[in-house]
Amino acid sequence: MTTTAFEYSAPHAFVDPYAVDTAEVPWPAPAGQDGDADYLLAPPNPAERISFTIDPRDRRRLDLHAVLTAAGIPPRPEDREAIDQLSALPGSINATLQRWLHHTT
């Protein structure tokens, strides 16, 4: 069996990517250079907002995902059925579960 030896070049000096001279910014500046905005995109227009409501069960499912993730328990794909079943419970029970999870953090 033959082993492969990797050739190493001369050591490179450490480069700090955050040590950048602010006078020479290599990326485009935000729109509206008058100092009032630092957005790369224009702010959203509320008049163009899509108008639809989320089913309460779907809303509870999304909230449960968010609370679990915030509590340090990110849901796995195999947890989907359990989360769907918990989301089908009444809103008061779901709120209690979320409150319990919120107090774990």
N, C-alpha and C. Protein backbone atom coordinates (compact mmCIF):
# COMPACT_ATOMS: atom_id res chain seq x y z
N MET A 1 0.84 -1.16 0.00
CA MET A 1 0.00 0.00 0.00
C MET A 1 0.89 1.24 0.00
N THR A 2 0.56 2.16 -0.83
CA THR A 2 1.35 3.38 -0.95
C THR A 2 0.66 4.50 -0.20
N THR A 3 1.42 5.24 0.55
CA THR A 3 0.84 6.39 1.25
C THR A 3 1.12 7.65 0.44
N THR A 4 0.24 8.58 0.58
CA THR A 4 0.40 9.84 -0.14
C THR A 4 0.89 10.90 0.83
N ALA A 5 1.94 11.56 0.46
CA ALA A 5 2.46 12.64 1.29
C ALA A 5 1.99 13.96 0.68
N PHE A 6 1.36 14.76 1.50
CA PHE A 6 0.91 16.06 1.03
C PHE A 6 2.05 17.06 1.13
N GLU A 7 2.20 17.80 0.07
CA GLU A 7 3.24 18.82 0.08
C GLU A 7 2.67 20.10 0.66
N TYR A 8 3.38 20.65 1.58
CA TYR A 8 2.93 21.89 2.21
C TYR A 8 3.82 23.01 1.73
N SER A 9 3.21 24.12 1.38
CA SER A 9 3.99 25.28 0.96
C SER A 9 4.40 26.06 2.19
N ALA A 10 5.04 27.17 1.97
CA ALA A 10 5.48 28.01 3.08
C ALA A 10 4.26 28.48 3.87
N PRO A 11 4.39 28.62 5.17
CA PRO A 11 3.24 29.05 5.97
C PRO A 11 2.78 30.44 5.56
N HIS A 12 1.48 30.62 5.56
CA HIS A 12 0.89 31.91 5.19
C HIS A 12 0.71 32.74 6.43
N ALA A 13 0.82 34.01 6.27
CA ALA A 13 0.58 34.91 7.39
C ALA A 13 -0.91 34.93 7.70
N PHE A 14 -1.24 35.13 8.94
CA PHE A 14 -2.64 35.20 9.36
C PHE A 14 -3.27 36.44 8.75
N VAL A 15 -4.44 36.27 8.17
CA VAL A 15 -5.15 37.38 7.56
C VAL A 15 -6.45 37.58 8.30
N ASP A 16 -6.67 38.77 8.82
CA ASP A 16 -7.90 39.10 9.53
C ASP A 16 -8.87 39.71 8.53
N PRO A 17 -9.97 38.99 8.18
CA PRO A 17 -10.89 39.53 7.17
C PRO A 17 -11.64 40.76 7.65
N TYR A 18 -11.65 41.02 8.96
CA TYR A 18 -12.38 42.17 9.48
C TYR A 18 -11.48 43.40 9.64
N ALA A 19 -10.20 43.25 9.41
CA ALA A 19 -9.29 44.38 9.48
C ALA A 19 -9.27 45.07 8.13
N VAL A 20 -10.31 45.87 7.88
CA VAL A 20 -10.48 46.52 6.59
C VAL A 20 -10.41 48.02 6.79
N ASP A 21 -9.67 48.68 5.91
CA ASP A 21 -9.63 50.12 5.95
C ASP A 21 -10.99 50.64 5.51
N THR A 22 -11.65 51.41 6.34
CA THR A 22 -13.01 51.86 6.03
C THR A 22 -13.07 52.79 4.84
N ALA A 23 -11.94 53.38 4.46
CA ALA A 23 -11.94 54.27 3.30
C ALA A 23 -12.06 53.50 2.00
N GLU A 24 -11.66 52.24 2.00
CA GLU A 24 -11.68 51.43 0.79
C GLU A 24 -12.63 50.25 0.99
N VAL A 25 -13.93 50.49 1.05
CA VAL A 25 -14.91 49.43 1.25
C VAL A 25 -15.07 48.67 -0.06
N PRO A 26 -14.85 47.34 -0.07
CA PRO A 26 -14.89 46.58 -1.32
C PRO A 26 -16.30 46.20 -1.78
N TRP A 27 -17.35 46.55 -1.03
CA TRP A 27 -18.71 46.19 -1.42
C TRP A 27 -19.50 47.46 -1.67
N PRO A 28 -20.61 47.35 -2.39
CA PRO A 28 -21.38 48.56 -2.71
C PRO A 28 -21.98 49.19 -1.46
N ALA A 29 -22.03 50.49 -1.48
CA ALA A 29 -22.60 51.24 -0.36
C ALA A 29 -24.12 51.14 -0.39
N PRO A 30 -24.78 51.28 0.75
CA PRO A 30 -26.24 51.21 0.78
C PRO A 30 -26.87 52.32 -0.04
N ALA A 31 -28.08 52.06 -0.49
CA ALA A 31 -28.82 53.07 -1.25
C ALA A 31 -29.15 54.23 -0.33
N GLY A 32 -29.25 55.40 -0.89
CA GLY A 32 -29.59 56.58 -0.10
C GLY A 32 -28.43 57.02 0.76
N GLN A 33 -27.37 57.49 0.15
CA GLN A 33 -26.16 57.86 0.87
C GLN A 33 -26.31 59.14 1.68
N ASP A 34 -27.53 59.64 1.81
CA ASP A 34 -27.72 60.87 2.57
C ASP A 34 -27.74 60.60 4.07
N GLY A 35 -27.53 59.37 4.50
CA GLY A 35 -27.39 59.06 5.90
C GLY A 35 -28.68 58.68 6.59
N ASP A 36 -29.82 58.75 5.90
CA ASP A 36 -31.09 58.45 6.57
C ASP A 36 -31.45 56.97 6.51
N ALA A 37 -30.79 56.20 5.67
CA ALA A 37 -31.13 54.78 5.56
C ALA A 37 -29.86 53.97 5.34
N ASP A 38 -29.84 52.78 5.91
CA ASP A 38 -28.73 51.89 5.64
C ASP A 38 -29.24 50.56 5.11
N TYR A 39 -30.24 50.60 4.26
CA TYR A 39 -30.80 49.42 3.63
C TYR A 39 -30.09 49.17 2.30
N LEU A 40 -29.89 47.90 1.98
CA LEU A 40 -29.41 47.57 0.64
C LEU A 40 -30.58 47.53 -0.32
N LEU A 41 -31.78 47.27 0.22
CA LEU A 41 -33.01 47.29 -0.56
C LEU A 41 -33.92 48.37 0.00
N ALA A 42 -34.82 48.82 -0.82
CA ALA A 42 -35.79 49.80 -0.33
C ALA A 42 -36.70 49.14 0.70
N PRO A 43 -37.18 49.88 1.71
CA PRO A 43 -38.07 49.28 2.69
C PRO A 43 -39.37 48.82 2.02
N PRO A 44 -40.02 47.80 2.57
CA PRO A 44 -41.25 47.29 1.95
C PRO A 44 -42.37 48.32 1.98
N ASN A 45 -43.20 48.25 0.97
CA ASN A 45 -44.35 49.14 0.88
C ASN A 45 -45.56 48.42 1.48
N PRO A 46 -46.14 48.93 2.58
CA PRO A 46 -47.28 48.26 3.21
C PRO A 46 -48.48 48.10 2.27
N ALA A 47 -48.62 48.97 1.29
CA ALA A 47 -49.74 48.87 0.36
C ALA A 47 -49.61 47.66 -0.55
N GLU A 48 -48.39 47.15 -0.74
CA GLU A 48 -48.17 46.00 -1.62
C GLU A 48 -48.16 44.68 -0.84
N ARG A 49 -48.49 44.71 0.42
CA ARG A 49 -48.49 43.51 1.26
C ARG A 49 -49.59 42.54 0.80
N ILE A 50 -49.28 41.27 0.77
CA ILE A 50 -50.25 40.25 0.38
C ILE A 50 -51.24 40.07 1.52
N SER A 51 -52.50 40.04 1.19
CA SER A 51 -53.54 39.95 2.21
C SER A 51 -54.11 38.54 2.26
N PHE A 52 -53.71 37.77 3.27
CA PHE A 52 -54.32 36.46 3.52
C PHE A 52 -54.08 36.11 4.98
N THR A 53 -54.90 35.24 5.49
CA THR A 53 -54.78 34.82 6.88
C THR A 53 -54.27 33.39 6.95
N ILE A 54 -53.61 33.08 8.03
CA ILE A 54 -53.09 31.74 8.26
C ILE A 54 -54.09 30.99 9.14
N ASP A 55 -54.34 29.75 8.80
CA ASP A 55 -55.21 28.90 9.59
C ASP A 55 -54.67 28.83 11.02
N PRO A 56 -55.53 28.89 12.04
CA PRO A 56 -55.04 28.85 13.42
C PRO A 56 -54.17 27.63 13.74
N ARG A 57 -54.49 26.50 13.16
CA ARG A 57 -53.68 25.30 13.40
C ARG A 57 -52.27 25.48 12.82
N ASP A 58 -52.19 26.06 11.61
CA ASP A 58 -50.88 26.31 11.01
C ASP A 58 -50.10 27.34 11.81
N ARG A 59 -50.82 28.35 12.32
CA ARG A 59 -50.17 29.37 13.14
C ARG A 59 -49.60 28.76 14.42
N ARG A 60 -50.36 27.86 15.06
CA ARG A 60 -49.86 27.19 16.27
C ARG A 60 -48.66 26.31 15.94
N ARG A 61 -48.70 25.66 14.77
CA ARG A 61 -47.57 24.82 14.36
C ARG A 61 -46.31 25.66 14.17
N LEU A 62 -46.44 26.80 13.49
CA LEU A 62 -45.28 27.68 13.28
C LEU A 62 -44.77 28.24 14.61
N ASP A 63 -45.70 28.63 15.49
CA ASP A 63 -45.30 29.14 16.80
C ASP A 63 -44.58 28.07 17.61
N LEU A 64 -45.06 26.84 17.54
CA LEU A 64 -44.43 25.75 18.28
C LEU A 64 -43.02 25.48 17.75
N HIS A 65 -42.85 25.51 16.44
CA HIS A 65 -41.51 25.37 15.85
C HIS A 65 -40.59 26.47 16.38
N ALA A 66 -41.08 27.71 16.39
CA ALA A 66 -40.25 28.84 16.83
C ALA A 66 -39.88 28.71 18.30
N VAL A 67 -40.84 28.34 19.15
CA VAL A 67 -40.56 28.23 20.58
C VAL A 67 -39.60 27.07 20.86
N LEU A 68 -39.78 25.95 20.18
CA LEU A 68 -38.85 24.83 20.36
C LEU A 68 -37.43 25.21 19.95
N THR A 69 -37.31 25.90 18.84
CA THR A 69 -35.99 26.31 18.36
C THR A 69 -35.37 27.31 19.33
N ALA A 70 -36.16 28.26 19.82
CA ALA A 70 -35.65 29.25 20.77
C ALA A 70 -35.24 28.59 22.09
N ALA A 71 -35.90 27.50 22.46
CA ALA A 71 -35.57 26.79 23.69
C ALA A 71 -34.35 25.88 23.52
N GLY A 72 -33.78 25.84 22.33
CA GLY A 72 -32.61 25.00 22.09
C GLY A 72 -32.95 23.58 21.71
N ILE A 73 -34.19 23.36 21.27
CA ILE A 73 -34.64 22.03 20.87
C ILE A 73 -35.14 22.12 19.43
N PRO A 74 -34.24 22.26 18.46
CA PRO A 74 -34.72 22.40 17.09
C PRO A 74 -35.43 21.12 16.63
N PRO A 75 -36.64 21.26 16.08
CA PRO A 75 -37.39 20.08 15.65
C PRO A 75 -36.67 19.35 14.51
N ARG A 76 -36.71 18.06 14.58
CA ARG A 76 -36.15 17.22 13.52
C ARG A 76 -37.26 16.82 12.57
N PRO A 77 -36.91 16.36 11.38
CA PRO A 77 -37.96 15.95 10.43
C PRO A 77 -38.87 14.85 10.99
N GLU A 78 -38.34 13.96 11.80
CA GLU A 78 -39.18 12.89 12.34
C GLU A 78 -40.12 13.39 13.44
N ASP A 79 -39.96 14.64 13.88
CA ASP A 79 -40.85 15.23 14.88
C ASP A 79 -42.10 15.85 14.27
N ARG A 80 -42.19 15.85 12.97
CA ARG A 80 -43.28 16.55 12.30
C ARG A 80 -44.66 16.04 12.70
N GLU A 81 -44.82 14.73 12.80
CA GLU A 81 -46.13 14.17 13.16
C GLU A 81 -46.54 14.60 14.58
N ALA A 82 -45.59 14.58 15.50
CA ALA A 82 -45.89 14.98 16.87
C ALA A 82 -46.26 16.46 16.93
N ILE A 83 -45.55 17.30 16.19
CA ILE A 83 -45.86 18.73 16.17
C ILE A 83 -47.22 18.97 15.53
N ASP A 84 -47.55 18.22 14.48
CA ASP A 84 -48.87 18.36 13.87
C ASP A 84 -49.98 17.97 14.85
N GLN A 85 -49.75 16.91 15.62
CA GLN A 85 -50.75 16.50 16.61
C GLN A 85 -50.89 17.54 17.72
N LEU A 86 -49.78 18.09 18.18
CA LEU A 86 -49.84 19.13 19.20
C LEU A 86 -50.51 20.39 18.68
N SER A 87 -50.32 20.68 17.41
CA SER A 87 -50.94 21.87 16.81
C SER A 87 -52.44 21.72 16.67
N ALA A 88 -52.92 20.48 16.62
CA ALA A 88 -54.35 20.23 16.50
C ALA A 88 -55.08 20.44 17.83
N LEU A 89 -54.34 20.50 18.94
CA LEU A 89 -54.95 20.73 20.24
C LEU A 89 -55.49 22.15 20.32
N PRO A 90 -56.44 22.42 21.22
CA PRO A 90 -56.97 23.77 21.34
C PRO A 90 -55.88 24.81 21.62
N GLY A 91 -56.18 26.05 21.29
CA GLY A 91 -55.22 27.14 21.44
C GLY A 91 -54.74 27.33 22.86
N SER A 92 -55.61 27.10 23.85
CA SER A 92 -55.20 27.29 25.24
C SER A 92 -54.15 26.27 25.66
N ILE A 93 -54.28 25.04 25.19
CA ILE A 93 -53.29 24.00 25.51
C ILE A 93 -51.97 24.31 24.81
N ASN A 94 -52.06 24.75 23.57
CA ASN A 94 -50.86 25.10 22.82
C ASN A 94 -50.15 26.28 23.47
N ALA A 95 -50.91 27.26 23.95
CA ALA A 95 -50.31 28.41 24.63
C ALA A 95 -49.60 27.97 25.91
N THR A 96 -50.18 27.02 26.62
CA THR A 96 -49.55 26.50 27.83
C THR A 96 -48.24 25.79 27.50
N LEU A 97 -48.25 24.97 26.46
CA LEU A 97 -47.01 24.30 26.03
C LEU A 97 -45.94 25.32 25.67
N GLN A 98 -46.33 26.36 24.95
CA GLN A 98 -45.36 27.39 24.56
C GLN A 98 -44.83 28.13 25.78
N ARG A 99 -45.70 28.39 26.75
CA ARG A 99 -45.27 29.08 27.96
C ARG A 99 -44.27 28.22 28.73
N TRP A 100 -44.54 26.92 28.83
CA TRP A 100 -43.62 26.02 29.51
C TRP A 100 -42.26 26.01 28.81
N LEU A 101 -42.29 25.92 27.48
CA LEU A 101 -41.03 25.91 26.74
C LEU A 101 -40.30 27.25 26.85
N HIS A 102 -41.06 28.33 26.89
CA HIS A 102 -40.46 29.66 27.01
C HIS A 102 -39.73 29.81 28.34
N HIS A 103 -40.25 29.21 29.39
CA HIS A 103 -39.63 29.34 30.71
C HIS A 103 -38.42 28.41 30.89
N THR A 104 -38.18 27.51 29.93
CA THR A 104 -37.00 26.65 30.03
C THR A 104 -35.73 27.38 29.61
N THR A 105 -35.89 28.48 28.89
CA THR A 105 -34.70 29.21 28.41
C THR A 105 -34.25 30.24 29.38
